[in-house]
Amino acid sequence: MSLYLFNRFRLFSCRRAVLARRCSWLLVAAICASGCDADTAVRSSDVRRYSAPKEKTLSARDIAQANRQTSGRKPSKQIDYTLPEGWTEVSGPSGMRLATLAIGESEEGQEISIIPASGTIRSNVERWQKQLDQEAASEEITKLVDKVMAKAGSVDVQGQKATVVLLTQANDNEKSSESILGGMLPMDKSTTLFVKFRGPTEIAKKEQKKFIAFMASLRMLENDSEQTD
């Protein structure tokens, strides 16, 4: 009797498990059917393809070319002038310099610099004299500067007075000494344009008239439209 009841209970349990599995499959099928009708089904036209634009990668050649183009741009020219006969233009604006010129060919080393800077005319003349006579005492420098300023010339540059000086060494031996030809043109209250030649006294004295003519030819450019080729 007990074995009979055990077998009946086992059969009932198996049938119950099979019924539960069938109900689960039916439920899944019903859900799928309800979500896959004509209105909710995924159509081929609903699938769209998108192409994201690729970011351009610069090659080393492109970067180098861009750098060359940037560095190759010439700074705006701020001054114009007429070169005396025998003078040459070495370069235009570069760093602090507005221009670099040369008496004769640039290879000869007789350089003329054009630089805007601060300081009074006398303070710069004193500095130049100290460059020529580095061992001289302060009293001697003062006397030499007084003599230079007394002999200083002047030219008119666009209504402004430009000062021109010739500085020589204390032991003024023309064949072996060194001199400075200097031109000073006030640009505003705090800045002066300095034109300077430092070289053999013989050349400085020979080129002095041309130097004065060059100072008189200077023209300050206010905008690019005034620049000349």
Protein backbone atom coordinates (compact mmCIF):
# COMPACT_ATOMS: atom_id res chain seq x y z
CA MET A 1 0.00 0.00 0.00
CA SER A 2 2.75 2.40 0.86
CA LEU A 3 4.63 1.62 -2.37
CA TYR A 4 1.50 2.30 -4.40
CA LEU A 5 0.96 5.69 -2.81
CA PHE A 6 4.64 6.58 -3.34
CA ASN A 7 4.45 5.80 -7.07
CA ARG A 8 1.23 7.79 -7.47
CA PHE A 9 2.81 10.80 -5.73
CA ARG A 10 5.91 10.56 -7.96
CA LEU A 11 3.80 10.43 -11.12
CA PHE A 12 1.80 13.45 -9.99
CA SER A 13 4.97 15.45 -9.34
CA CYS A 14 6.40 14.69 -12.78
CA ARG A 15 3.18 15.71 -14.53
CA ARG A 16 3.10 18.93 -12.52
CA ALA A 17 6.71 19.79 -13.55
CA VAL A 18 5.94 19.13 -17.23
CA LEU A 19 2.85 21.32 -17.03
CA ALA A 20 4.84 24.16 -15.47
CA ARG A 21 7.44 24.03 -18.26
CA ARG A 22 4.74 24.09 -20.93
CA CYS A 23 3.12 27.14 -19.31
CA SER A 24 6.46 28.95 -19.28
CA TRP A 25 7.06 28.31 -22.98
CA LEU A 26 3.55 29.45 -23.82
CA LEU A 27 4.06 32.68 -21.87
CA VAL A 28 7.34 33.41 -23.72
CA ALA A 29 5.71 32.74 -27.06
CA ALA A 30 2.83 35.08 -26.22
CA ILE A 31 5.22 37.89 -25.29
CA CYS A 32 7.20 37.49 -28.50
CA ALA A 33 4.04 37.45 -30.58
CA SER A 34 2.73 40.63 -28.96
CA GLY A 35 6.02 42.49 -29.58
CA CYS A 36 6.54 41.38 -33.20
CA ASP A 37 3.35 42.55 -34.86
CA ALA A 38 3.36 44.72 -37.99
CA ASP A 39 3.52 47.97 -36.03
CA THR A 40 6.45 47.11 -33.80
CA ALA A 41 8.54 44.89 -36.06
CA VAL A 42 11.99 46.21 -37.06
CA ARG A 43 12.10 47.03 -40.77
CA SER A 44 15.18 47.30 -42.98
CA SER A 45 14.36 50.95 -43.58
CA ASP A 46 14.68 51.62 -39.83
CA VAL A 47 18.36 50.72 -39.89
CA ARG A 48 20.53 53.71 -40.81
CA ARG A 49 24.26 53.90 -41.28
CA TYR A 50 26.23 56.89 -40.06
CA SER A 51 29.77 57.81 -41.14
CA ALA A 52 31.66 59.85 -38.55
CA PRO A 53 34.11 62.31 -40.18
CA LYS A 54 37.71 61.28 -39.62
CA GLU A 55 39.95 63.82 -37.90
CA LYS A 56 42.78 64.92 -40.20
CA THR A 57 46.18 63.98 -38.87
CA LEU A 58 49.03 66.32 -39.83
CA SER A 59 52.16 64.67 -41.05
CA ALA A 60 55.63 65.78 -40.03
CA ARG A 61 55.96 67.40 -43.45
CA ASP A 62 52.77 69.44 -42.96
CA ILE A 63 53.94 70.67 -39.54
CA ALA A 64 57.37 71.62 -40.86
CA GLN A 65 55.81 73.53 -43.76
CA ALA A 66 53.48 75.43 -41.40
CA ASN A 67 56.42 76.36 -39.19
CA ARG A 68 58.38 77.60 -42.21
CA GLN A 69 55.46 79.75 -43.33
CA THR A 70 55.12 81.31 -39.84
CA SER A 71 58.82 81.94 -39.35
CA GLY A 72 59.16 83.22 -42.92
CA ARG A 73 56.84 86.16 -42.39
CA LYS A 74 58.78 89.41 -42.51
CA PRO A 75 58.20 91.90 -39.68
CA SER A 76 56.60 95.17 -40.69
CA LYS A 77 59.09 97.79 -41.77
CA GLN A 78 58.94 100.85 -39.52
CA ILE A 79 61.42 103.14 -41.29
CA ASP A 80 62.37 104.10 -44.81
CA TYR A 81 65.60 105.72 -45.98
CA THR A 82 67.88 106.43 -48.91
CA LEU A 83 71.16 104.53 -48.94
CA PRO A 84 74.25 106.64 -49.74
CA GLU A 85 76.49 105.48 -52.54
CA GLY A 86 78.70 102.64 -51.43
CA TRP A 87 76.39 101.53 -48.61
CA THR A 88 74.43 98.25 -48.66
CA GLU A 89 71.44 96.90 -46.77
CA VAL A 90 72.37 93.72 -44.89
CA SER A 91 68.95 92.93 -43.41
CA GLY A 92 65.61 94.44 -42.50
CA PRO A 93 63.82 94.22 -39.14
CA SER A 94 65.31 91.55 -36.88
CA GLY A 95 64.96 91.37 -33.11
CA MET A 96 65.44 94.83 -31.64
CA ARG A 97 66.99 96.15 -34.84
CA LEU A 98 64.90 97.94 -37.43
CA ALA A 99 67.65 97.45 -40.01
CA THR A 100 71.30 96.55 -40.41
CA LEU A 101 73.43 98.33 -43.01
CA ALA A 102 77.07 98.15 -44.08
CA ILE A 103 79.59 100.62 -45.44
CA GLY A 104 80.85 98.83 -48.52
CA GLU A 105 80.07 95.13 -48.77
CA SER A 106 78.67 93.34 -45.72
CA GLU A 107 81.63 90.93 -45.72
CA GLU A 108 83.95 93.83 -44.84
CA GLY A 109 82.34 94.11 -41.40
CA GLN A 110 81.73 97.90 -41.40
CA GLU A 111 78.27 97.58 -39.83
CA ILE A 112 75.66 100.22 -39.11
CA SER A 113 72.83 99.34 -36.73
CA ILE A 114 69.45 101.06 -36.40
CA ILE A 115 67.82 100.41 -33.02
CA PRO A 116 65.06 102.17 -31.02
CA ALA A 117 65.90 102.38 -27.30
CA SER A 118 65.37 104.47 -24.18
CA GLY A 119 67.72 106.95 -22.56
CA THR A 120 68.74 110.55 -23.16
CA ILE A 121 71.11 111.64 -25.92
CA ARG A 122 73.88 112.52 -23.46
CA SER A 123 73.57 109.27 -21.48
CA ASN A 124 73.99 107.26 -24.66
CA VAL A 125 76.92 109.38 -25.83
CA GLU A 126 78.56 108.69 -22.45
CA ARG A 127 77.94 104.97 -22.88
CA TRP A 128 79.47 105.03 -26.37
CA GLN A 129 82.53 106.96 -25.14
CA LYS A 130 83.06 104.34 -22.41
CA GLN A 131 82.99 101.65 -25.09
CA LEU A 132 85.89 103.39 -26.83
CA ASP A 133 87.85 104.25 -23.66
CA GLN A 134 87.11 101.49 -21.20
CA GLU A 135 90.09 102.32 -18.97
CA ALA A 136 89.39 106.05 -18.77
CA ALA A 137 88.37 107.70 -15.49
CA SER A 138 84.93 109.23 -15.07
CA GLU A 139 86.34 112.75 -15.16
CA GLU A 140 88.05 112.10 -18.48
CA ILE A 141 84.89 110.54 -19.95
CA THR A 142 82.93 113.64 -18.92
CA LYS A 143 85.43 115.97 -20.63
CA LEU A 144 85.40 113.88 -23.82
CA VAL A 145 81.60 113.83 -23.88
CA ASP A 146 81.43 117.60 -23.34
CA LYS A 147 83.72 118.05 -26.34
CA VAL A 148 81.62 115.68 -28.48
CA MET A 149 78.34 117.41 -27.56
CA ALA A 150 79.85 120.83 -28.35
CA LYS A 151 80.74 119.68 -31.86
CA ALA A 152 77.48 117.76 -32.44
CA GLY A 153 75.61 118.48 -35.63
CA SER A 154 71.88 118.31 -36.31
CA VAL A 155 69.56 117.61 -39.23
CA ASP A 156 65.82 117.93 -39.70
CA VAL A 157 63.91 114.65 -40.01
CA GLN A 158 60.18 115.12 -40.62
CA GLY A 159 60.15 118.17 -38.37
CA GLN A 160 62.19 116.48 -35.66
CA LYS A 161 65.75 117.43 -34.76
CA ALA A 162 68.19 114.54 -35.14
CA THR A 163 71.60 114.85 -33.48
CA VAL A 164 74.75 113.51 -35.14
CA VAL A 165 78.00 112.96 -33.20
CA LEU A 166 81.50 111.66 -33.90
CA LEU A 167 83.28 110.05 -30.96
CA THR A 168 86.98 109.21 -31.04
CA GLN A 169 89.30 107.51 -28.61
CA ALA A 170 91.35 109.62 -26.21
CA ASN A 171 94.56 108.73 -28.07
CA ASP A 172 93.21 109.90 -31.40
CA ASN A 173 95.59 108.21 -33.81
CA GLU A 174 93.54 108.14 -37.00
CA LYS A 175 95.34 105.14 -38.48
CA SER A 176 94.94 102.84 -35.46
CA SER A 177 92.14 104.27 -33.30
CA GLU A 178 88.46 103.41 -33.30
CA SER A 179 85.53 105.82 -33.56
CA ILE A 180 81.76 105.86 -33.32
CA LEU A 181 79.45 107.74 -35.67
CA GLY A 182 76.10 108.15 -33.96
CA GLY A 183 72.76 109.56 -34.99
CA MET A 184 69.91 110.07 -32.52
CA LEU A 185 66.31 110.82 -33.52
CA PRO A 186 63.62 111.21 -30.79
CA MET A 187 60.61 109.01 -31.59
CA ASP A 188 58.48 109.87 -28.54
CA LYS A 189 58.96 110.98 -24.93
CA SER A 190 60.69 107.76 -23.88
CA THR A 191 62.18 106.29 -27.07
CA THR A 192 64.97 107.44 -29.38
CA LEU A 193 66.07 105.95 -32.68
CA PHE A 194 69.82 105.27 -32.59
CA VAL A 195 71.88 104.87 -35.76
CA LYS A 196 75.40 103.72 -34.93
CA PHE A 197 78.61 102.91 -36.77
CA ARG A 198 81.63 101.68 -34.83
CA GLY A 199 84.84 101.11 -36.72
CA PRO A 200 88.19 102.58 -37.80
CA THR A 201 88.47 106.34 -37.28
CA GLU A 202 89.66 106.75 -40.87
CA ILE A 203 86.42 105.28 -42.25
CA ALA A 204 84.23 107.16 -39.75
CA LYS A 205 85.63 110.53 -40.78
CA LYS A 206 85.49 109.65 -44.47
CA GLU A 207 81.82 108.59 -44.25
CA GLN A 208 80.64 111.38 -41.93
CA LYS A 209 78.98 113.49 -44.65
CA LYS A 210 77.20 110.43 -46.06
CA PHE A 211 76.09 109.51 -42.54
CA ILE A 212 74.54 112.97 -42.04
CA ALA A 213 72.78 112.70 -45.42
CA PHE A 214 71.47 109.28 -44.44
CA MET A 215 70.04 110.64 -41.18
CA ALA A 216 68.26 113.40 -43.13
CA SER A 217 66.68 110.76 -45.42
CA LEU A 218 65.05 108.80 -42.58
CA ARG A 219 61.27 108.49 -42.70
CA MET A 220 59.20 106.90 -39.95
CA LEU A 221 56.38 104.75 -41.37
CA GLU A 222 53.07 104.91 -39.53
CA ASN A 223 51.32 102.12 -41.44
CA ASP A 224 51.89 99.52 -44.15
CA SER A 225 50.52 101.79 -46.88
CA GLU A 226 53.55 104.06 -46.52
CA GLN A 227 56.05 101.27 -47.05
CA THR A 228 58.00 101.09 -50.27
CA ASP A 229 59.55 98.10 -51.92
